Structures are given as C-alpha cells and as structure tokens.
Amino acid sequence: VQLQASGGGLVQSGGSLRLSCTASGRNIAIYSLGWYRQAPGKQRELVASITSGRTTNYAGSLEERFTISRDNTKNTVLLQMTSLMPEDTAVYYCHARNLLQTGLEDYWGMGTQVTVSS
C-alpha cells in the first residue's frame, strides 16, 4: 500500500485546510485510517482516526475543529481542519492499519507540511 498525502500549505490563523490521502496498491476499505502530526522537536502524535466501520477518534479537543472522513470508493481519507492555530503547525502524516492474524500491518504516507501563521 502506498499512501500519498496532499493539501498542506501555509494558512493564516483562523483559516482552514483540507488534507487528502489516497492509497494505491490495495483497496483499504477494511483498514483503519488516521492522521498523525509531528511538530519540530516533538514526537509524532495522533490527530484523528477512523475505523472501517467509520468510528472516529480524536486527540484531545481537536474534534471541535477537525473532522476525519473516508471515501472508500476513492481509497481516500480526508482531514478537514478549521479554526487553525499556530500550534497546529506540523508535518501531517496519513496512516493505514490492518489487523492480521499474524499481527499489525502498518503503512505511512510521506507527510504534508501545514504551517499556520499568527
């Protein structure tokens, strides 16, 4: 599975961005999908995830501003981000996970930079 993220960029505080991640090589309808981010000098952290059954999970209070969704017909996971703040500045990575009998199968995209100016 190859994951290609896009949609990052430079936005002013209070603005919005929509990140998109498209998978190729395999249908990911059965995969749990997620977005992580890593700010300079910090560890990578979960932003949001969505299961194959479309159950969502968000880190902290991000659910108030971010929305994760998936379109299995397009093999895509989306992250709509609103009311962006400078502390949201990070490289955002998409992630796909499948639980196999032999263990976990994890894939990561290359990341897309999100920069929020104050």
C-alpha atoms as a PDB file:
ATOM      1  CA  VAL A   1       0.000   0.000   0.000  1.00  0.00           C
ATOM      2  CA  GLN A   2       1.325   3.418  -0.951  1.00  0.00           C
ATOM      3  CA  LEU A   3      -0.168   6.484   0.702  1.00  0.00           C
ATOM      4  CA  GLN A   4       0.049   9.906  -0.910  1.00  0.00           C
ATOM      5  CA  ALA A   5      -0.930  12.900   1.192  1.00  0.00           C
ATOM      6  CA  SER A   6      -1.714  16.334  -0.167  1.00  0.00           C
ATOM      7  CA  GLY A   7      -3.447  19.547   0.778  1.00  0.00           C
ATOM      8  CA  GLY A   8      -0.968  21.072   3.153  1.00  0.00           C
ATOM      9  CA  GLY A   9       0.238  24.623   2.866  1.00  0.00           C
ATOM     10  CA  LEU A  10       0.546  27.995   4.535  1.00  0.00           C
ATOM     11  CA  VAL A  11      -2.575  29.470   6.081  1.00  0.00           C
ATOM     12  CA  GLN A  12      -3.306  32.300   8.457  1.00  0.00           C
ATOM     13  CA  SER A  13      -4.543  31.697  11.970  1.00  0.00           C
ATOM     14  CA  GLY A  14      -8.267  31.032  11.870  1.00  0.00           C
ATOM     15  CA  GLY A  15      -8.118  29.591   8.378  1.00  0.00           C
ATOM     16  CA  SER A  16      -8.982  26.162   7.074  1.00  0.00           C
ATOM     17  CA  LEU A  17      -7.292  23.395   5.139  1.00  0.00           C
ATOM     18  CA  ARG A  18      -8.406  20.019   3.878  1.00  0.00           C
ATOM     19  CA  LEU A  19      -5.860  17.252   3.774  1.00  0.00           C
ATOM     20  CA  SER A  20      -6.359  14.302   1.488  1.00  0.00           C
ATOM     21  CA  CYS A  21      -4.583  10.961   1.452  1.00  0.00           C
ATOM     22  CA  THR A  22      -5.088   8.491  -1.356  1.00  0.00           C
ATOM     23  CA  ALA A  23      -3.981   4.900  -1.217  1.00  0.00           C
ATOM     24  CA  SER A  24      -2.796   2.850  -4.132  1.00  0.00           C
ATOM     25  CA  GLY A  25      -1.854  -0.764  -4.494  1.00  0.00           C
ATOM     26  CA  ARG A  26      -4.698  -2.176  -2.476  1.00  0.00           C
ATOM     27  CA  ASN A  27      -8.269  -1.430  -1.520  1.00  0.00           C
ATOM     28  CA  ILE A  28      -8.156  -0.011   2.005  1.00  0.00           C
ATOM     29  CA  ALA A  29     -11.842  -0.317   2.857  1.00  0.00           C
ATOM     30  CA  ILE A  30     -11.041  -2.755   5.687  1.00  0.00           C
ATOM     31  CA  TYR A  31      -8.191  -0.648   7.056  1.00  0.00           C
ATOM     32  CA  SER A  32      -8.328   1.746   9.970  1.00  0.00           C
ATOM     33  CA  LEU A  33      -7.073   5.094   8.738  1.00  0.00           C
ATOM     34  CA  GLY A  34      -5.640   8.011  10.582  1.00  0.00           C
ATOM     35  CA  TRP A  35      -3.794  11.265  10.571  1.00  0.00           C
ATOM     36  CA  TYR A  36      -0.798  11.984  12.747  1.00  0.00           C
ATOM     37  CA  ARG A  37       1.327  15.088  13.041  1.00  0.00           C
ATOM     38  CA  GLN A  38       4.822  15.910  14.109  1.00  0.00           C
ATOM     39  CA  ALA A  39       5.914  19.398  15.063  1.00  0.00           C
ATOM     40  CA  PRO A  40       9.587  20.380  15.151  1.00  0.00           C
ATOM     41  CA  GLY A  41      11.290  18.927  18.201  1.00  0.00           C
ATOM     42  CA  LYS A  42       8.233  16.916  19.205  1.00  0.00           C
ATOM     43  CA  GLN A  43       7.117  13.336  18.873  1.00  0.00           C
ATOM     44  CA  ARG A  44       4.637  12.240  16.287  1.00  0.00           C
ATOM     45  CA  GLU A  45       1.133  12.297  17.739  1.00  0.00           C
ATOM     46  CA  LEU A  46      -2.286  11.067  16.732  1.00  0.00           C
ATOM     47  CA  VAL A  47      -4.643  13.686  15.349  1.00  0.00           C
ATOM     48  CA  ALA A  48      -7.633  11.556  14.393  1.00  0.00           C
ATOM     49  CA  SER A  49      -8.506   8.068  13.251  1.00  0.00           C
ATOM     50  CA  ILE A  50     -11.445   6.342  11.597  1.00  0.00           C
ATOM     51  CA  THR A  51     -12.154   2.624  11.541  1.00  0.00           C
ATOM     52  CA  SER A  52     -13.521   0.590   8.678  1.00  0.00           C
ATOM     53  CA  GLY A  53     -16.895   0.932  10.377  1.00  0.00           C
ATOM     54  CA  ARG A  54     -16.433   4.730  10.423  1.00  0.00           C
ATOM     55  CA  THR A  55     -15.992   5.039  14.166  1.00  0.00           C
ATOM     56  CA  THR A  56     -13.872   8.128  14.742  1.00  0.00           C
ATOM     57  CA  ASN A  57     -11.416   9.074  17.449  1.00  0.00           C
ATOM     58  CA  TYR A  58      -9.766  12.431  18.014  1.00  0.00           C
ATOM     59  CA  ALA A  59      -6.914  13.605  20.177  1.00  0.00           C
ATOM     60  CA  GLY A  60      -7.961  15.901  22.962  1.00  0.00           C
ATOM     61  CA  SER A  61     -10.200  18.741  21.858  1.00  0.00           C
ATOM     62  CA  LEU A  62      -9.294  18.567  18.172  1.00  0.00           C
ATOM     63  CA  GLU A  63     -12.752  17.164  17.412  1.00  0.00           C
ATOM     64  CA  GLU A  64     -14.041  20.690  17.914  1.00  0.00           C
ATOM     65  CA  ARG A  65     -12.065  21.896  14.905  1.00  0.00           C
ATOM     66  CA  PHE A  66     -11.057  18.839  12.841  1.00  0.00           C
ATOM     67  CA  THR A  67     -13.145  16.268  11.024  1.00  0.00           C
ATOM     68  CA  ILE A  68     -11.845  12.982   9.661  1.00  0.00           C
ATOM     69  CA  SER A  69     -13.745  11.115   6.987  1.00  0.00           C
ATOM     70  CA  ARG A  70     -13.144   8.421   4.422  1.00  0.00           C
ATOM     71  CA  ASP A  71     -14.306   7.690   0.908  1.00  0.00           C
ATOM     72  CA  ASN A  72     -13.777   4.035   0.187  1.00  0.00           C
ATOM     73  CA  THR A  73     -14.850   4.465  -3.435  1.00  0.00           C
ATOM     74  CA  LYS A  74     -11.802   6.691  -3.905  1.00  0.00           C
ATOM     75  CA  ASN A  75      -9.498   4.856  -1.477  1.00  0.00           C
ATOM     76  CA  THR A  76      -9.123   8.168   0.347  1.00  0.00           C
ATOM     77  CA  VAL A  77      -9.078   9.553   3.863  1.00  0.00           C
ATOM     78  CA  LEU A  78      -9.696  13.241   4.466  1.00  0.00           C
ATOM     79  CA  LEU A  79      -8.982  15.633   7.297  1.00  0.00           C
ATOM     80  CA  GLN A  80     -10.920  18.869   7.330  1.00  0.00           C
ATOM     81  CA  MET A  81      -9.228  21.389   9.599  1.00  0.00           C
ATOM     82  CA  THR A  82     -10.876  24.631  10.639  1.00  0.00           C
ATOM     83  CA  SER A  83     -10.006  27.479  13.001  1.00  0.00           C
ATOM     84  CA  LEU A  84      -6.353  26.630  12.585  1.00  0.00           C
ATOM     85  CA  MET A  85      -3.903  27.911  15.151  1.00  0.00           C
ATOM     86  CA  PRO A  86      -0.111  28.340  15.040  1.00  0.00           C
ATOM     87  CA  GLU A  87       0.245  25.319  17.327  1.00  0.00           C
ATOM     88  CA  ASP A  88      -1.277  23.181  14.574  1.00  0.00           C
ATOM     89  CA  THR A  89       1.878  23.768  12.537  1.00  0.00           C
ATOM     90  CA  ALA A  90       3.428  20.384  11.821  1.00  0.00           C
ATOM     91  CA  VAL A  91       4.033  17.768   9.193  1.00  0.00           C
ATOM     92  CA  TYR A  92       0.866  15.737   8.853  1.00  0.00           C
ATOM     93  CA  TYR A  93       1.111  12.037   8.032  1.00  0.00           C
ATOM     94  CA  CYS A  94      -1.603   9.659   6.962  1.00  0.00           C
ATOM     95  CA  HIS A  95      -1.602   6.135   8.287  1.00  0.00           C
ATOM     96  CA  ALA A  96      -3.323   2.892   7.381  1.00  0.00           C
ATOM     97  CA  ARG A  97      -3.554  -0.129   9.635  1.00  0.00           C
ATOM     98  CA  ASN A  98      -4.921  -3.607   9.141  1.00  0.00           C
ATOM     99  CA  LEU A  99      -5.117  -6.251  11.828  1.00  0.00           C
ATOM    100  CA  LEU A 100      -3.947  -9.607  10.522  1.00  0.00           C
ATOM    101  CA  GLN A 101      -3.847 -12.950  12.258  1.00  0.00           C
ATOM    102  CA  THR A 102      -0.063 -12.590  12.236  1.00  0.00           C
ATOM    103  CA  GLY A 103      -0.012  -9.065  13.626  1.00  0.00           C
ATOM    104  CA  LEU A 104      -0.454  -5.482  12.560  1.00  0.00           C
ATOM    105  CA  GLU A 105       0.093  -4.201   9.049  1.00  0.00           C
ATOM    106  CA  ASP A 106       1.012  -0.502   9.076  1.00  0.00           C
ATOM    107  CA  TYR A 107       1.606   1.947   6.256  1.00  0.00           C
ATOM    108  CA  TRP A 108       2.632   5.611   6.369  1.00  0.00           C
ATOM    109  CA  GLY A 109       2.454   8.390   3.854  1.00  0.00           C
ATOM    110  CA  MET A 110       5.335  10.806   3.275  1.00  0.00           C
ATOM    111  CA  GLY A 111       3.686  13.703   5.060  1.00  0.00           C
ATOM    112  CA  THR A 112       2.437  17.107   4.074  1.00  0.00           C
ATOM    113  CA  GLN A 113       3.517  20.351   5.736  1.00  0.00           C
ATOM    114  CA  VAL A 114       0.927  22.537   7.403  1.00  0.00           C
ATOM    115  CA  THR A 115       2.086  25.960   8.530  1.00  0.00           C
ATOM    116  CA  VAL A 116      -0.228  28.321  10.371  1.00  0.00           C
ATOM    117  CA  SER A 117       0.935  31.902  10.694  1.00  0.00           C
ATOM    118  CA  SER A 118      -0.178  34.146  13.509  1.00  0.00           C
END
